[in-house]
Amino acid sequence: MQRGGGVMRTSAYGVAALGAAGLGAAGLGAAGLGAAGLGAAGRGAAIATPSLWPPDAGRTSQDAAHEAVFVARAVTKVYGTGDVQVHALRGVDFDLYAGELLVLLGASGSGKSTLLNILGGLDTPTSGDVRFRDHDLAHADSDALTRYRREHVGFVFQFYNLIPSLTARENVALVTDIASDPMPPEEALTLVGLGERLDHFPAQLSGGEQQRVAIARAIAKRPDVLLCDEPTGALDAETGRLVLEVIEQVNRELGTATALITHNAPIAAMADRVLRMTSGRITESVRNERRALPRDITW
């Protein structure tokens, strides 16, 4: 590793470390620079309203003023070949609107992480159409998907995937160094409440603080969309609520379209809209009359 401009930079070792933390090229995480876009090309309580279906159902005139940043239609994902096939997604229709906070709720194996990986450009569907604004994600090659991730998407995963030998500031700078219009790492860390912990290493931070560094890393490049895969899954309830407060703050103050997946049903109360997934299908779509504050959510 070498330092440049006051930031410890990683060469092949650092990129490999982040790639390994992301669980591989297939995008089962790719939570480090791969997810960030340094790949081959870049080196209240639940509401009492009825279920709403299809995904656009229940949209208000206020929603109509918001652009659909994601539009997915008839999306399938099949793993394996021959007699051994796993149908992870079965004809999913999905929309996410600018400024919306959406929760995808479902048990393990329901397909929610597969859908999130496809939306994030970490995987591609077996069939169907997936568009992010004017980007055709279903038919894009790996270089195009790398550029898409780098320029538009911030990822937050269950495990923090920080490089242990880098400080909080330096972990965030790994992403800002490849972004076109990033906020300074110090600003991103201050936004998530870590302005006094800039030069602490991951081992000197609690689990909740490490997750907030991961959120700062995701938002520092000013992404159009924030995709969160079980962001509280490795945390206790009290710390998890603090992390949810940060995600809600990012959505509210920066207007970042946010999709959060969880198996934890009470978290759905903080969303604008909730989609429930079962066996690879979206089986329920519900709009919350008001968003609950994360601090009021218990589980």
Protein backbone atom coordinates (compact mmCIF):
# COMPACT_ATOMS: atom_id res chain seq x y z
CA MET A 1 0.00 0.00 0.00
CA GLN A 2 1.08 3.56 -0.51
CA ARG A 3 -0.08 6.95 0.62
CA GLY A 4 -0.95 9.71 -1.81
CA GLY A 5 -2.48 13.08 -1.04
CA GLY A 6 -2.81 12.10 2.61
CA VAL A 7 -4.92 9.03 1.83
CA MET A 8 -3.65 5.49 2.12
CA ARG A 9 -4.31 3.91 -1.24
CA THR A 10 -4.54 0.27 -2.15
CA SER A 11 -2.99 -1.26 -5.21
CA ALA A 12 -3.75 -4.80 -6.31
CA TYR A 13 -3.77 -5.97 -2.69
CA GLY A 14 -6.39 -3.46 -1.62
CA VAL A 15 -8.66 -4.14 -4.57
CA ALA A 16 -8.35 -7.88 -3.96
CA ALA A 17 -9.15 -7.41 -0.28
CA LEU A 18 -12.30 -5.48 -1.07
CA GLY A 19 -13.31 -7.97 -3.71
CA ALA A 20 -12.89 -10.83 -1.28
CA ALA A 21 -14.95 -8.99 1.30
CA GLY A 22 -17.72 -8.74 -1.29
CA LEU A 23 -18.00 -12.51 -1.66
CA GLY A 24 -16.98 -12.77 -5.28
CA ALA A 25 -17.53 -11.58 -8.79
CA ALA A 26 -21.00 -13.03 -9.15
CA GLY A 27 -22.25 -10.16 -7.05
CA LEU A 28 -23.34 -12.09 -4.01
CA GLY A 29 -22.07 -8.96 -2.38
CA ALA A 30 -19.26 -7.33 -4.35
CA ALA A 31 -19.50 -4.90 -1.50
CA GLY A 32 -16.11 -3.34 -1.93
CA LEU A 33 -14.78 -1.61 -4.98
CA GLY A 34 -16.50 -4.14 -7.22
CA ALA A 35 -19.86 -2.93 -5.99
CA ALA A 36 -18.64 0.64 -5.95
CA GLY A 37 -17.77 0.34 -9.62
CA LEU A 38 -14.08 -0.48 -9.77
CA GLY A 39 -14.29 -3.59 -11.88
CA ALA A 40 -13.03 -4.71 -15.24
CA ALA A 41 -13.83 -1.40 -16.85
CA GLY A 42 -12.57 0.87 -14.14
CA ARG A 43 -9.96 -0.71 -12.32
CA GLY A 44 -45.22 4.08 12.51
CA ALA A 45 -46.94 0.78 12.82
CA ALA A 46 -47.91 -1.23 9.78
CA ILE A 47 -50.84 0.41 8.06
CA ALA A 48 -54.36 -0.90 7.93
CA THR A 49 -54.91 -0.20 4.23
CA PRO A 50 -55.64 -3.10 1.86
CA SER A 51 -52.96 -4.79 -0.19
CA LEU A 52 -52.12 -3.03 -3.44
CA TRP A 53 -51.23 -4.83 -6.65
CA PRO A 54 -49.70 -4.44 -9.22
CA PRO A 55 -46.64 -2.46 -8.01
CA ASP A 56 -47.94 0.86 -9.35
CA ALA A 57 -51.24 0.46 -7.53
CA GLY A 58 -51.99 3.08 -4.90
CA ARG A 59 -49.74 5.73 -6.39
CA THR A 60 -50.92 9.24 -5.62
CA SER A 61 -50.71 12.43 -7.67
CA GLN A 62 -47.65 13.31 -5.62
CA ASP A 63 -46.02 10.06 -6.76
CA ALA A 64 -46.83 10.90 -10.36
CA ALA A 65 -44.55 13.92 -10.10
CA HIS A 66 -41.67 11.59 -9.24
CA GLU A 67 -39.65 9.84 -11.89
CA ALA A 68 -39.46 6.06 -11.83
CA VAL A 69 -35.72 5.46 -11.49
CA PHE A 70 -36.14 1.68 -11.76
CA VAL A 71 -38.63 -0.16 -13.95
CA ALA A 72 -38.45 -3.96 -14.02
CA ARG A 73 -40.93 -6.19 -15.85
CA ALA A 74 -41.39 -9.97 -15.95
CA VAL A 75 -37.97 -10.54 -14.38
CA THR A 76 -36.86 -14.12 -13.82
CA LYS A 77 -33.64 -15.56 -12.45
CA VAL A 78 -32.82 -19.25 -12.71
CA TYR A 79 -29.67 -20.75 -11.23
CA GLY A 80 -28.35 -24.11 -12.38
CA THR A 81 -28.99 -26.15 -15.49
CA GLY A 82 -30.74 -29.34 -16.47
CA ASP A 83 -32.69 -31.12 -13.78
CA VAL A 84 -31.19 -29.04 -10.97
CA GLN A 85 -32.62 -25.55 -11.25
CA VAL A 86 -33.44 -22.93 -8.64
CA HIS A 87 -36.02 -20.32 -9.66
CA ALA A 88 -34.95 -17.36 -7.54
CA LEU A 89 -37.26 -14.87 -9.30
CA ARG A 90 -40.50 -15.75 -11.06
CA GLY A 91 -41.86 -12.94 -13.23
CA VAL A 92 -41.23 -9.97 -10.95
CA ASP A 93 -42.59 -6.50 -11.79
CA PHE A 94 -40.96 -3.71 -9.82
CA ASP A 95 -40.75 0.09 -9.71
CA LEU A 96 -38.76 2.45 -7.52
CA TYR A 97 -39.40 6.19 -7.63
CA ALA A 98 -37.10 9.15 -7.10
CA GLY A 99 -36.89 10.05 -3.43
CA GLU A 100 -38.83 6.96 -2.33
CA LEU A 101 -37.86 4.77 0.63
CA LEU A 102 -38.97 1.24 -0.22
CA VAL A 103 -38.73 -1.85 1.98
CA LEU A 104 -38.58 -5.31 0.41
CA LEU A 105 -39.79 -7.72 3.04
CA GLY A 106 -39.45 -11.48 2.93
CA ALA A 107 -38.02 -14.60 4.50
CA SER A 108 -34.63 -15.99 3.63
CA GLY A 109 -34.76 -17.51 0.15
CA SER A 110 -37.69 -15.38 -1.01
CA GLY A 111 -35.63 -13.76 -3.78
CA LYS A 112 -35.18 -10.30 -2.33
CA SER A 113 -31.36 -10.31 -2.39
CA THR A 114 -31.37 -11.67 -5.94
CA LEU A 115 -33.64 -8.81 -7.01
CA LEU A 116 -31.45 -6.26 -5.24
CA ASN A 117 -28.32 -7.64 -6.92
CA ILE A 118 -29.96 -7.31 -10.33
CA LEU A 119 -31.07 -3.73 -9.60
CA GLY A 120 -27.54 -2.93 -8.49
CA GLY A 121 -25.90 -4.33 -11.61
CA LEU A 122 -24.20 -7.13 -9.67
CA ASP A 123 -26.15 -9.79 -11.54
CA THR A 124 -28.35 -10.02 -14.64
CA PRO A 125 -31.77 -11.62 -15.08
CA THR A 126 -32.39 -14.83 -16.96
CA SER A 127 -35.27 -13.10 -18.73
CA GLY A 128 -37.28 -9.89 -18.49
CA ASP A 129 -36.51 -6.19 -18.70
CA VAL A 130 -34.70 -4.07 -16.10
CA ARG A 131 -34.08 -0.37 -16.65
CA PHE A 132 -32.50 2.32 -14.56
CA ARG A 133 -33.64 5.48 -16.31
CA ASP A 134 -32.10 5.07 -19.78
CA HIS A 135 -29.80 2.19 -18.80
CA ASP A 136 -30.79 -1.27 -20.02
CA LEU A 137 -29.43 -3.44 -17.20
CA ALA A 138 -30.83 -6.72 -18.48
CA HIS A 139 -28.65 -6.74 -21.59
CA ALA A 140 -25.64 -4.69 -20.49
CA ASP A 141 -22.16 -6.18 -20.63
CA SER A 142 -19.84 -6.29 -17.62
CA ASP A 143 -18.08 -3.03 -18.52
CA ALA A 144 -21.37 -1.16 -18.80
CA LEU A 145 -22.56 -2.59 -15.48
CA THR A 146 -19.30 -1.52 -13.84
CA ARG A 147 -19.79 2.05 -15.06
CA TYR A 148 -23.40 1.97 -13.93
CA ARG A 149 -22.44 0.86 -10.40
CA ARG A 150 -19.67 3.42 -10.18
CA GLU A 151 -21.76 6.35 -11.35
CA HIS A 152 -25.20 5.67 -9.91
CA VAL A 153 -25.40 3.11 -7.08
CA GLY A 154 -24.43 3.04 -3.43
CA PHE A 155 -24.46 -0.32 -1.61
CA VAL A 156 -24.85 -1.15 2.07
CA PHE A 157 -24.57 -4.80 3.05
CA GLN A 158 -25.12 -6.78 6.23
CA PHE A 159 -21.38 -7.09 6.75
CA TYR A 160 -19.39 -3.89 6.65
CA ASN A 161 -16.53 -4.95 4.33
CA LEU A 162 -14.13 -2.31 5.60
CA ILE A 163 -10.38 -2.69 5.05
CA PRO A 164 -8.95 -3.20 8.55
CA SER A 165 -5.69 -1.38 7.82
CA LEU A 166 -7.46 1.81 6.67
CA THR A 167 -9.06 4.44 8.86
CA ALA A 168 -12.71 5.44 8.50
CA ARG A 169 -11.65 8.41 6.38
CA GLU A 170 -9.44 6.24 4.15
CA ASN A 171 -12.11 3.57 3.69
CA VAL A 172 -14.51 6.22 2.40
CA ALA A 173 -11.81 7.80 0.22
CA LEU A 174 -11.41 4.53 -1.67
CA VAL A 175 -14.77 5.27 -3.29
CA THR A 176 -14.49 9.06 -3.58
CA ASP A 177 -11.23 8.64 -5.49
CA ILE A 178 -13.08 6.97 -8.38
CA ALA A 179 -16.27 9.09 -8.29
CA SER A 180 -16.87 12.02 -10.63
CA ASP A 181 -18.49 14.41 -8.13
CA PRO A 182 -18.01 13.05 -4.62
CA MET A 183 -18.50 14.76 -1.31
CA PRO A 184 -15.34 14.89 0.84
CA PRO A 185 -14.96 11.79 3.04
CA GLU A 186 -15.07 14.04 6.09
CA GLU A 187 -18.47 15.41 5.04
CA ALA A 188 -19.89 11.94 4.44
CA LEU A 189 -18.68 10.68 7.81
CA THR A 190 -20.01 13.76 9.58
CA LEU A 191 -23.40 13.19 7.95
CA VAL A 192 -23.58 9.73 9.57
CA GLY A 193 -22.47 11.05 12.94
CA LEU A 194 -18.81 10.03 12.83
CA GLY A 195 -17.14 13.42 12.46
CA GLU A 196 -15.12 12.74 15.59
CA ARG A 197 -14.01 9.26 14.48
CA LEU A 198 -12.40 10.07 11.13
CA ASP A 199 -9.01 8.57 11.91
CA HIS A 200 -10.14 5.52 13.84
CA PHE A 201 -9.51 2.06 12.40
CA PRO A 202 -12.36 -0.46 12.11
CA ALA A 203 -11.10 -2.38 15.14
CA GLN A 204 -11.51 0.81 17.18
CA LEU A 205 -15.17 1.19 16.16
CA SER A 206 -18.30 -0.59 17.35
CA GLY A 207 -20.37 -2.67 14.95
CA GLY A 208 -22.86 0.14 14.52
CA GLU A 209 -20.09 2.65 13.85
CA GLN A 210 -18.53 0.34 11.27
CA GLN A 211 -21.88 0.06 9.50
CA ARG A 212 -22.16 3.84 9.51
CA VAL A 213 -18.72 4.04 7.87
CA ALA A 214 -20.07 1.65 5.23
CA ILE A 215 -23.07 3.94 4.72
CA ALA A 216 -20.78 6.97 4.45
CA ARG A 217 -18.75 5.08 1.83
CA ALA A 218 -21.95 4.34 -0.10
CA ILE A 219 -23.29 7.90 -0.11
CA ALA A 220 -20.01 9.77 -0.54
CA LYS A 221 -20.16 9.49 -4.31
CA ARG A 222 -23.66 11.06 -4.27
CA PRO A 223 -25.44 8.02 -5.76
CA ASP A 224 -28.83 8.23 -7.42
CA VAL A 225 -29.96 5.15 -5.54
CA LEU A 226 -29.00 3.47 -2.26
CA LEU A 227 -29.46 -0.31 -2.05
CA CYS A 228 -29.35 -1.80 1.44
CA ASP A 229 -29.21 -5.58 1.95
CA GLU A 230 -30.10 -6.50 5.57
CA PRO A 231 -28.15 -3.49 6.95
CA THR A 232 -29.17 -4.28 10.55
CA GLY A 233 -28.80 -8.05 10.28
CA ALA A 234 -25.54 -8.21 12.23
CA LEU A 235 -26.57 -5.66 14.86
CA ASP A 236 -28.56 -5.64 18.08
CA ALA A 237 -31.88 -3.79 18.07
CA GLU A 238 -30.62 -0.58 19.68
CA THR A 239 -27.66 -0.27 17.32
CA GLY A 240 -29.84 -1.30 14.39
CA ARG A 241 -32.21 1.58 15.06
CA LEU A 242 -29.27 4.01 14.94
CA VAL A 243 -28.27 2.64 11.54
CA LEU A 244 -31.85 2.90 10.27
CA GLU A 245 -31.94 6.53 11.43
CA VAL A 246 -28.91 7.25 9.25
CA ILE A 247 -30.49 5.55 6.22
CA GLU A 248 -33.73 7.47 6.76
CA GLN A 249 -31.77 10.71 7.11
CA VAL A 250 -29.92 10.12 3.85
CA ASN A 251 -33.19 9.44 2.06
CA ARG A 252 -34.91 12.48 3.57
CA GLU A 253 -32.11 15.06 3.35
CA LEU A 254 -30.36 13.99 0.14
CA GLY A 255 -33.46 12.69 -1.65
CA THR A 256 -31.69 9.44 -2.53
CA ALA A 257 -34.06 6.75 -3.79
CA THR A 258 -33.58 3.91 -1.31
CA ALA A 259 -34.47 0.22 -1.38
CA LEU A 260 -33.91 -1.70 1.84
CA ILE A 261 -34.39 -5.45 2.10
CA THR A 262 -35.03 -7.20 5.39
CA HIS A 263 -36.71 -10.23 6.92
CA ASN A 264 -37.53 -8.09 9.98
CA ALA A 265 -41.20 -7.08 9.56
CA PRO A 266 -41.29 -4.11 12.01
CA ILE A 267 -38.71 -2.24 9.88
CA ALA A 268 -41.34 -1.95 7.13
CA ALA A 269 -43.05 0.79 9.15
CA MET A 270 -40.33 3.31 8.20
CA ALA A 271 -40.99 2.98 4.46
CA ASP A 272 -43.11 4.91 2.00
CA ARG A 273 -44.04 1.60 0.40
CA VAL A 274 -43.57 -2.06 1.33
CA LEU A 275 -43.28 -5.00 -1.06
CA ARG A 276 -43.53 -8.52 0.32
CA MET A 277 -41.70 -11.30 -1.53
CA THR A 278 -42.53 -14.99 -1.31
CA SER A 279 -40.91 -17.78 -3.34
CA GLY A 280 -39.48 -15.44 -5.97
CA ARG A 281 -42.64 -13.39 -6.45
CA ILE A 282 -43.91 -10.05 -5.16
CA THR A 283 -47.10 -11.08 -3.44
CA GLU A 284 -48.15 -7.86 -1.71
CA SER A 285 -47.63 -4.12 -2.15
CA VAL A 286 -48.70 -1.77 0.65
CA ARG A 287 -48.33 1.98 1.08
CA ASN A 288 -47.77 3.36 4.56
CA GLU A 289 -49.99 6.29 5.46
CA ARG A 290 -47.04 7.79 7.32
CA ARG A 291 -43.44 6.79 7.86
CA ALA A 292 -42.56 5.69 11.36
CA LEU A 293 -39.43 7.09 12.94
CA PRO A 294 -36.74 4.42 13.26
CA ARG A 295 -36.34 5.20 16.95
CA ASP A 296 -39.99 4.21 17.49
CA ILE A 297 -39.57 0.79 15.85
CA THR A 298 -39.13 -2.18 18.15
CA TRP A 299 -38.26 -5.79 17.47
